[in-house]
PDB file of N, CA and C in Angstrom:
ATOM      1  N   MET A   1     198.608  51.879 130.122  1.00  0.00           N
ATOM      2  CA  MET A   1     199.631  50.879 129.881  1.00  0.00           C
ATOM      3  C   MET A   1     199.254  50.068 128.635  1.00  0.00           C
ATOM      4  N   GLN A   2     200.175  49.986 127.697  1.00  0.00           N
ATOM      5  CA  GLN A   2     199.926  49.190 126.499  1.00  0.00           C
ATOM      6  C   GLN A   2     200.634  47.847 126.612  1.00  0.00           C
ATOM      7  N   ILE A   3     199.936  46.808 126.207  1.00  0.00           N
ATOM      8  CA  ILE A   3     200.501  45.464 126.239  1.00  0.00           C
ATOM      9  C   ILE A   3     200.340  44.822 124.871  1.00  0.00           C
ATOM     10  N   LYS A   4     201.041  43.731 124.681  1.00  0.00           N
ATOM     11  CA  LYS A   4     200.953  42.994 123.420  1.00  0.00           C
ATOM     12  C   LYS A   4     199.838  41.952 123.505  1.00  0.00           C
ATOM     13  N   THR A   5     199.459  41.444 122.363  1.00  0.00           N
ATOM     14  CA  THR A   5     198.323  40.526 122.267  1.00  0.00           C
ATOM     15  C   THR A   5     198.496  39.296 123.150  1.00  0.00           C
ATOM     16  N   ARG A   6     199.660  38.655 123.107  1.00  0.00           N
ATOM     17  CA  ARG A   6     199.880  37.454 123.927  1.00  0.00           C
ATOM     18  C   ARG A   6     199.674  37.758 125.404  1.00  0.00           C
ATOM     19  N   GLU A   7     200.171  38.904 125.841  1.00  0.00           N
ATOM     20  CA  GLU A   7     200.011  39.298 127.241  1.00  0.00           C
ATOM     21  C   GLU A   7     198.540  39.550 127.575  1.00  0.00           C
ATOM     22  N   ALA A   8     197.794  40.109 126.626  1.00  0.00           N
ATOM     23  CA  ALA A   8     196.364  40.359 126.835  1.00  0.00           C
ATOM     24  C   ALA A   8     195.601  39.045 126.977  1.00  0.00           C
ATOM     25  N   VAL A   9     195.974  38.037 126.191  1.00  0.00           N
ATOM     26  CA  VAL A   9     195.336  36.721 126.282  1.00  0.00           C
ATOM     27  C   VAL A   9     195.582  36.127 127.672  1.00  0.00           C
ATOM     28  N   VAL A  10     196.818  36.188 128.134  1.00  0.00           N
ATOM     29  CA  VAL A  10     197.170  35.660 129.458  1.00  0.00           C
ATOM     30  C   VAL A  10     196.399  36.403 130.548  1.00  0.00           C
ATOM     31  N   LEU A  11     196.390  37.711 130.444  1.00  0.00           N
ATOM     32  CA  LEU A  11     195.670  38.538 131.417  1.00  0.00           C
ATOM     33  C   LEU A  11     194.193  38.157 131.462  1.00  0.00           C
ATOM     34  N   ARG A  12     193.602  37.988 130.294  1.00  0.00           N
ATOM     35  CA  ARG A  12     192.176  37.674 130.215  1.00  0.00           C
ATOM     36  C   ARG A  12     191.877  36.283 130.765  1.00  0.00           C
ATOM     37  N   ILE A  13     192.709  35.293 130.457  1.00  0.00           N
ATOM     38  CA  ILE A  13     192.500  33.945 131.003  1.00  0.00           C
ATOM     39  C   ILE A  13     192.565  33.995 132.524  1.00  0.00           C
ATOM     40  N   ASN A  14     193.575  34.648 133.061  1.00  0.00           N
ATOM     41  CA  ASN A  14     193.707  34.748 134.522  1.00  0.00           C
ATOM     42  C   ASN A  14     192.522  35.491 135.135  1.00  0.00           C
ATOM     43  N   GLU A  15     192.100  36.558 134.480  1.00  0.00           N
ATOM     44  CA  GLU A  15     190.965  37.345 134.961  1.00  0.00           C
ATOM     45  C   GLU A  15     189.690  36.503 135.003  1.00  0.00           C
ATOM     46  N   LEU A  16     189.432  35.753 133.931  1.00  0.00           N
ATOM     47  CA  LEU A  16     188.226  34.939 133.862  1.00  0.00           C
ATOM     48  C   LEU A  16     188.259  33.784 134.858  1.00  0.00           C
ATOM     49  N   CYS A  17     189.416  33.169 135.030  1.00  0.00           N
ATOM     50  CA  CYS A  17     189.540  32.099 136.031  1.00  0.00           C
ATOM     51  C   CYS A  17     189.260  32.646 137.425  1.00  0.00           C
ATOM     52  N   SER A  18     189.787  33.816 137.701  1.00  0.00           N
ATOM     53  CA  SER A  18     189.560  34.447 138.994  1.00  0.00           C
ATOM     54  C   SER A  18     188.072  34.750 139.195  1.00  0.00           C
ATOM     55  N   GLU A  19     187.442  35.317 138.180  1.00  0.00           N
ATOM     56  CA  GLU A  19     186.009  35.638 138.253  1.00  0.00           C
ATOM     57  C   GLU A  19     185.160  34.393 138.494  1.00  0.00           C
ATOM     58  N   LYS A  20     185.541  33.296 137.848  1.00  0.00           N
ATOM     59  CA  LYS A  20     184.755  32.059 137.940  1.00  0.00           C
ATOM     60  C   LYS A  20     185.194  31.183 139.116  1.00  0.00           C
ATOM     61  N   GLY A  21     186.282  31.577 139.793  1.00  0.00           N
ATOM     62  CA  GLY A  21     186.761  30.809 140.942  1.00  0.00           C
ATOM     63  C   GLY A  21     187.317  29.448 140.574  1.00  0.00           C
ATOM     64  N   ILE A  22     188.010  29.389 139.428  1.00  0.00           N
ATOM     65  CA  ILE A  22     188.595  28.112 139.006  1.00  0.00           C
ATOM     66  C   ILE A  22     190.098  28.260 138.801  1.00  0.00           C
ATOM     67  N   THR A  23     190.775  27.147 138.890  1.00  0.00           N
ATOM     68  CA  THR A  23     192.219  27.107 138.657  1.00  0.00           C
ATOM     69  C   THR A  23     192.489  26.858 137.179  1.00  0.00           C
ATOM     70  N   ILE A  24     193.751  26.969 136.814  1.00  0.00           N
ATOM     71  CA  ILE A  24     194.154  26.647 135.438  1.00  0.00           C
ATOM     72  C   ILE A  24     193.846  25.182 135.131  1.00  0.00           C
ATOM     73  N   ASN A  25     194.118  24.291 136.078  1.00  0.00           N
ATOM     74  CA  ASN A  25     193.800  22.875 135.864  1.00  0.00           C
ATOM     75  C   ASN A  25     192.293  22.668 135.741  1.00  0.00           C
ATOM     76  N   GLY A  26     191.526  23.401 136.532  1.00  0.00           N
ATOM     77  CA  GLY A  26     190.071  23.323 136.436  1.00  0.00           C
ATOM     78  C   GLY A  26     189.579  23.801 135.078  1.00  0.00           C
ATOM     79  N   LEU A  27     190.180  24.884 134.591  1.00  0.00           N
ATOM     80  CA  LEU A  27     189.826  25.387 133.272  1.00  0.00           C
ATOM     81  C   LEU A  27     190.157  24.352 132.198  1.00  0.00           C
ATOM     82  N   ALA A  28     191.321  23.754 132.302  1.00  0.00           N
ATOM     83  CA  ALA A  28     191.725  22.737 131.318  1.00  0.00           C
ATOM     84  C   ALA A  28     190.709  21.599 131.286  1.00  0.00           C
ATOM     85  N   ASN A  29     190.262  21.179 132.454  1.00  0.00           N
ATOM     86  CA  ASN A  29     189.268  20.116 132.539  1.00  0.00           C
ATOM     87  C   ASN A  29     187.953  20.543 131.883  1.00  0.00           C
ATOM     88  N   LEU A  30     187.501  21.753 132.197  1.00  0.00           N
ATOM     89  CA  LEU A  30     186.255  22.264 131.610  1.00  0.00           C
ATOM     90  C   LEU A  30     186.357  22.435 130.095  1.00  0.00           C
ATOM     91  N   ALA A  31     187.546  22.827 129.628  1.00  0.00           N
ATOM     92  CA  ALA A  31     187.753  23.097 128.204  1.00  0.00           C
ATOM     93  C   ALA A  31     188.149  21.852 127.418  1.00  0.00           C
ATOM     94  N   ALA A  32     188.356  20.741 128.116  1.00  0.00           N
ATOM     95  CA  ALA A  32     188.750  19.472 127.482  1.00  0.00           C
ATOM     96  C   ALA A  32     190.052  19.603 126.700  1.00  0.00           C
ATOM     97  N   ILE A  33     191.003  20.335 127.292  1.00  0.00           N
ATOM     98  CA  ILE A  33     192.340  20.439 126.706  1.00  0.00           C
ATOM     99  C   ILE A  33     193.362  20.141 127.796  1.00  0.00           C
ATOM    100  N   PRO A  34     194.548  19.688 127.416  1.00  0.00           N
ATOM    101  CA  PRO A  34     195.555  19.360 128.425  1.00  0.00           C
ATOM    102  C   PRO A  34     195.947  20.592 129.253  1.00  0.00           C
ATOM    103  N   PRO A  35     196.141  20.416 130.565  1.00  0.00           N
ATOM    104  CA  PRO A  35     196.591  21.535 131.393  1.00  0.00           C
ATOM    105  C   PRO A  35     197.868  22.179 130.853  1.00  0.00           C
ATOM    106  N   SER A  36     198.723  21.371 130.247  1.00  0.00           N
ATOM    107  CA  SER A  36     199.982  21.906 129.716  1.00  0.00           C
ATOM    108  C   SER A  36     199.729  22.928 128.606  1.00  0.00           C
ATOM    109  N   THR A  37     198.657  22.771 127.864  1.00  0.00           N
ATOM    110  CA  THR A  37     198.337  23.730 126.801  1.00  0.00           C
ATOM    111  C   THR A  37     198.081  25.109 127.394  1.00  0.00           C
ATOM    112  N   ILE A  38     197.257  25.151 128.438  1.00  0.00           N
ATOM    113  CA  ILE A  38     196.950  26.440 129.071  1.00  0.00           C
ATOM    114  C   ILE A  38     198.175  26.981 129.793  1.00  0.00           C
ATOM    115  N   LYS A  39     198.906  26.112 130.470  1.00  0.00           N
ATOM    116  CA  LYS A  39     200.117  26.555 131.172  1.00  0.00           C
ATOM    117  C   LYS A  39     201.152  27.098 130.183  1.00  0.00           C
ATOM    118  N   ASN A  40     201.257  26.494 129.016  1.00  0.00           N
ATOM    119  CA  ASN A  40     202.182  26.997 127.997  1.00  0.00           C
ATOM    120  C   ASN A  40     201.787  28.389 127.518  1.00  0.00           C
ATOM    121  N   ILE A  41     200.487  28.657 127.454  1.00  0.00           N
ATOM    122  CA  ILE A  41     200.017  30.000 127.106  1.00  0.00           C
ATOM    123  C   ILE A  41     200.358  30.967 128.232  1.00  0.00           C
ATOM    124  N   ILE A  42     200.037  30.587 129.453  1.00  0.00           N
ATOM    125  CA  ILE A  42     200.241  31.454 130.623  1.00  0.00           C
ATOM    126  C   ILE A  42     201.716  31.799 130.812  1.00  0.00           C
ATOM    127  N   TYR A  43     202.586  30.808 130.668  1.00  0.00           N
ATOM    128  CA  TYR A  43     204.016  31.014 130.956  1.00  0.00           C
ATOM    129  C   TYR A  43     204.840  31.425 129.740  1.00  0.00           C
ATOM    130  N   GLY A  44     204.173  31.680 128.612  1.00  0.00           N
ATOM    131  CA  GLY A  44     204.863  32.232 127.459  1.00  0.00           C
ATOM    132  C   GLY A  44     205.571  31.233 126.569  1.00  0.00           C
ATOM    133  N   VAL A  45     205.384  29.941 126.830  1.00  0.00           N
ATOM    134  CA  VAL A  45     205.983  28.932 125.957  1.00  0.00           C
ATOM    135  C   VAL A  45     205.291  28.975 124.595  1.00  0.00           C
ATOM    136  N   SER A  46     203.971  29.089 124.642  1.00  0.00           N
ATOM    137  CA  SER A  46     203.179  29.234 123.413  1.00  0.00           C
ATOM    138  C   SER A  46     203.071  30.726 123.120  1.00  0.00           C
ATOM    139  N   LYS A  47     203.760  31.174 122.103  1.00  0.00           N
ATOM    140  CA  LYS A  47     203.805  32.602 121.771  1.00  0.00           C
ATOM    141  C   LYS A  47     202.580  33.065 120.996  1.00  0.00           C
ATOM    142  N   ASN A  48     201.889  32.116 120.357  1.00  0.00           N
ATOM    143  CA  ASN A  48     200.770  32.479 119.493  1.00  0.00           C
ATOM    144  C   ASN A  48     199.651  31.445 119.631  1.00  0.00           C
ATOM    145  N   PRO A  49     198.893  31.503 120.732  1.00  0.00           N
ATOM    146  CA  PRO A  49     197.820  30.518 120.904  1.00  0.00           C
ATOM    147  C   PRO A  49     196.779  30.657 119.797  1.00  0.00           C
ATOM    148  N   GLY A  50     196.374  29.540 119.258  1.00  0.00           N
ATOM    149  CA  GLY A  50     195.438  29.537 118.141  1.00  0.00           C
ATOM    150  C   GLY A  50     194.023  29.896 118.563  1.00  0.00           C
ATOM    151  N   ILE A  51     193.265  30.369 117.618  1.00  0.00           N
ATOM    152  CA  ILE A  51     191.883  30.767 117.885  1.00  0.00           C
ATOM    153  C   ILE A  51     191.034  29.561 118.273  1.00  0.00           C
ATOM    154  N   VAL A  52     191.344  28.377 117.755  1.00  0.00           N
ATOM    155  CA  VAL A  52     190.592  27.181 118.132  1.00  0.00           C
ATOM    156  C   VAL A  52     190.824  26.876 119.618  1.00  0.00           C
ATOM    157  N   THR A  53     192.046  27.016 120.079  1.00  0.00           N
ATOM    158  CA  THR A  53     192.345  26.808 121.503  1.00  0.00           C
ATOM    159  C   THR A  53     191.614  27.841 122.353  1.00  0.00           C
ATOM    160  N   ILE A  54     191.634  29.085 121.925  1.00  0.00           N
ATOM    161  CA  ILE A  54     190.928  30.130 122.670  1.00  0.00           C
ATOM    162  C   ILE A  54     189.422  29.847 122.683  1.00  0.00           C
ATOM    163  N   LYS A  55     188.891  29.365 121.558  1.00  0.00           N
ATOM    164  CA  LYS A  55     187.460  29.015 121.498  1.00  0.00           C
ATOM    165  C   LYS A  55     187.151  27.880 122.468  1.00  0.00           C
ATOM    166  N   MET A  56     188.018  26.896 122.569  1.00  0.00           N
ATOM    167  CA  MET A  56     187.813  25.800 123.514  1.00  0.00           C
ATOM    168  C   MET A  56     187.839  26.317 124.957  1.00  0.00           C
ATOM    169  N   ILE A  57     188.735  27.250 125.220  1.00  0.00           N
ATOM    170  CA  ILE A  57     188.784  27.877 126.543  1.00  0.00           C
ATOM    171  C   ILE A  57     187.465  28.603 126.810  1.00  0.00           C
ATOM    172  N   CYS A  58     186.980  29.329 125.824  1.00  0.00           N
ATOM    173  CA  CYS A  58     185.699  30.026 125.963  1.00  0.00           C
ATOM    174  C   CYS A  58     184.564  29.038 126.223  1.00  0.00           C
ATOM    175  N   ASP A  59     184.563  27.941 125.481  1.00  0.00           N
ATOM    176  CA  ASP A  59     183.526  26.917 125.679  1.00  0.00           C
ATOM    177  C   ASP A  59     183.574  26.392 127.111  1.00  0.00           C
ATOM    178  N   GLY A  60     184.784  26.149 127.614  1.00  0.00           N
ATOM    179  CA  GLY A  60     184.941  25.672 128.987  1.00  0.00           C
ATOM    180  C   GLY A  60     184.451  26.683 130.008  1.00  0.00           C
ATOM    181  N   LEU A  61     184.617  27.954 129.696  1.00  0.00           N
ATOM    182  CA  LEU A  61     184.169  29.027 130.596  1.00  0.00           C
ATOM    183  C   LEU A  61     182.709  29.402 130.358  1.00  0.00           C
ATOM    184  N   ASP A  62     182.098  28.797 129.339  1.00  0.00           N
ATOM    185  CA  ASP A  62     180.717  29.069 128.950  1.00  0.00           C
ATOM    186  C   ASP A  62     180.515  30.541 128.578  1.00  0.00           C
ATOM    187  N   ILE A  63     181.477  31.047 127.779  1.00  0.00           N
ATOM    188  CA  ILE A  63     181.380  32.412 127.261  1.00  0.00           C
ATOM    189  C   ILE A  63     181.647  32.384 125.759  1.00  0.00           C
ATOM    190  N   SER A  64     181.302  33.465 125.089  1.00  0.00           N
ATOM    191  CA  SER A  64     181.554  33.567 123.652  1.00  0.00           C
ATOM    192  C   SER A  64     182.943  34.159 123.404  1.00  0.00           C
ATOM    193  N   LEU A  65     183.411  34.005 122.183  1.00  0.00           N
ATOM    194  CA  LEU A  65     184.664  34.663 121.797  1.00  0.00           C
ATOM    195  C   LEU A  65     184.537  36.173 121.971  1.00  0.00           C
ATOM    196  N   GLU A  66     183.366  36.703 121.645  1.00  0.00           N
ATOM    197  CA  GLU A  66     183.138  38.136 121.799  1.00  0.00           C
ATOM    198  C   GLU A  66     183.322  38.563 123.251  1.00  0.00           C
ATOM    199  N   GLU A  67     182.800  37.761 124.180  1.00  0.00           N
ATOM    200  CA  GLU A  67     182.975  38.074 125.607  1.00  0.00           C
ATOM    201  C   GLU A  67     184.444  37.985 126.015  1.00  0.00           C
ATOM    202  N   PHE A  68     185.150  36.994 125.470  1.00  0.00           N
ATOM    203  CA  PHE A  68     186.564  36.834 125.803  1.00  0.00           C
ATOM    204  C   PHE A  68     187.350  38.082 125.404  1.00  0.00           C
ATOM    205  N   PHE A  69     187.097  38.553 124.189  1.00  0.00           N
ATOM    206  CA  PHE A  69     187.870  39.688 123.673  1.00  0.00           C
ATOM    207  C   PHE A  69     187.313  41.050 124.091  1.00  0.00           C
ATOM    208  N   SER A  70     186.165  41.044 124.765  1.00  0.00           N
ATOM    209  CA  SER A  70     185.575  42.289 125.245  1.00  0.00           C
ATOM    210  C   SER A  70     186.207  42.648 126.592  1.00  0.00           C
ATOM    211  N   SER A  71     187.379  43.235 126.511  1.00  0.00           N
ATOM    212  CA  SER A  71     188.163  43.545 127.703  1.00  0.00           C
ATOM    213  C   SER A  71     189.067  44.735 127.406  1.00  0.00           C
ATOM    214  N   ASP A  72     189.324  45.533 128.415  1.00  0.00           N
ATOM    215  CA  ASP A  72     190.223  46.682 128.233  1.00  0.00           C
ATOM    216  C   ASP A  72     191.591  46.255 127.725  1.00  0.00           C
ATOM    217  N   ALA A  73     192.032  45.073 128.121  1.00  0.00           N
ATOM    218  CA  ALA A  73     193.342  44.589 127.678  1.00  0.00           C
ATOM    219  C   ALA A  73     193.414  44.534 126.156  1.00  0.00           C
ATOM    220  N   PHE A  74     192.319  44.156 125.502  1.00  0.00           N
ATOM    221  CA  PHE A  74     192.313  44.062 124.039  1.00  0.00           C
ATOM    222  C   PHE A  74     192.023  45.405 123.372  1.00  0.00           C
ATOM    223  N   ARG A  75     191.383  46.294 124.088  1.00  0.00           N
ATOM    224  CA  ARG A  75     191.102  47.620 123.535  1.00  0.00           C
ATOM    225  C   ARG A  75     192.347  48.487 123.467  1.00  0.00           C
ATOM    226  N   ASN A  76     193.322  48.202 124.301  1.00  0.00           N
ATOM    227  CA  ASN A  76     194.520  49.039 124.412  1.00  0.00           C
ATOM    228  C   ASN A  76     195.784  48.329 123.938  1.00  0.00           C
ATOM    229  N   LEU A  77     195.647  47.476 122.929  1.00  0.00           N
ATOM    230  CA  LEU A  77     196.803  46.703 122.462  1.00  0.00           C
ATOM    231  C   LEU A  77     197.849  47.589 121.805  1.00  0.00           C
ATOM    232  N   GLN A  78     199.074  47.210 122.045  1.00  0.00           N
ATOM    233  CA  GLN A  78     200.231  47.857 121.438  1.00  0.00           C
ATOM    234  C   GLN A  78     200.378  47.372 119.994  1.00  0.00           C
ATOM    235  N   GLN A  79     200.904  48.219 119.141  1.00  0.00           N
ATOM    236  CA  GLN A  79     201.183  47.823 117.753  1.00  0.00           C
ATOM    237  C   GLN A  79     202.170  46.658 117.755  1.00  0.00           C
ATOM    238  N   GLU A  80     201.846  45.586 117.044  1.00  0.00           N
ATOM    239  CA  GLU A  80     202.710  44.392 117.019  1.00  0.00           C
ATOM    240  C   GLU A  80     203.823  44.527 115.980  1.00  0.00           C
ATOM    241  N   ILE A  81     203.566  45.244 114.894  1.00  0.00           N
ATOM    242  CA  ILE A  81     204.559  45.392 113.838  1.00  0.00           C
ATOM    243  C   ILE A  81     205.381  46.639 114.131  1.00  0.00           C
ATOM    244  N   GLU A  82     206.660  46.424 114.302  1.00  0.00           N
ATOM    245  CA  GLU A  82     207.530  47.575 114.635  1.00  0.00           C
ATOM    246  C   GLU A  82     208.696  47.665 113.701  1.00  0.00           C
TER     247      GLU A  82
END
């Protein structure tokens, strides 16, 4: 199954929260960003989450950007330019 980048980001955030046993609000607290920022990413309001936001999420999860993007979801991305 091929997915787009935004969907892969959402999938990865949900996957990591599940692995760490935290909620979206818990992640927002750990990452020092408003819960609405993460919810906007999850629910598709934010179509292009910035790398700084993703880095803050990684910091909150105590992982590197490399760990965040090291996922099958990112290995199997669909071509964005059509």
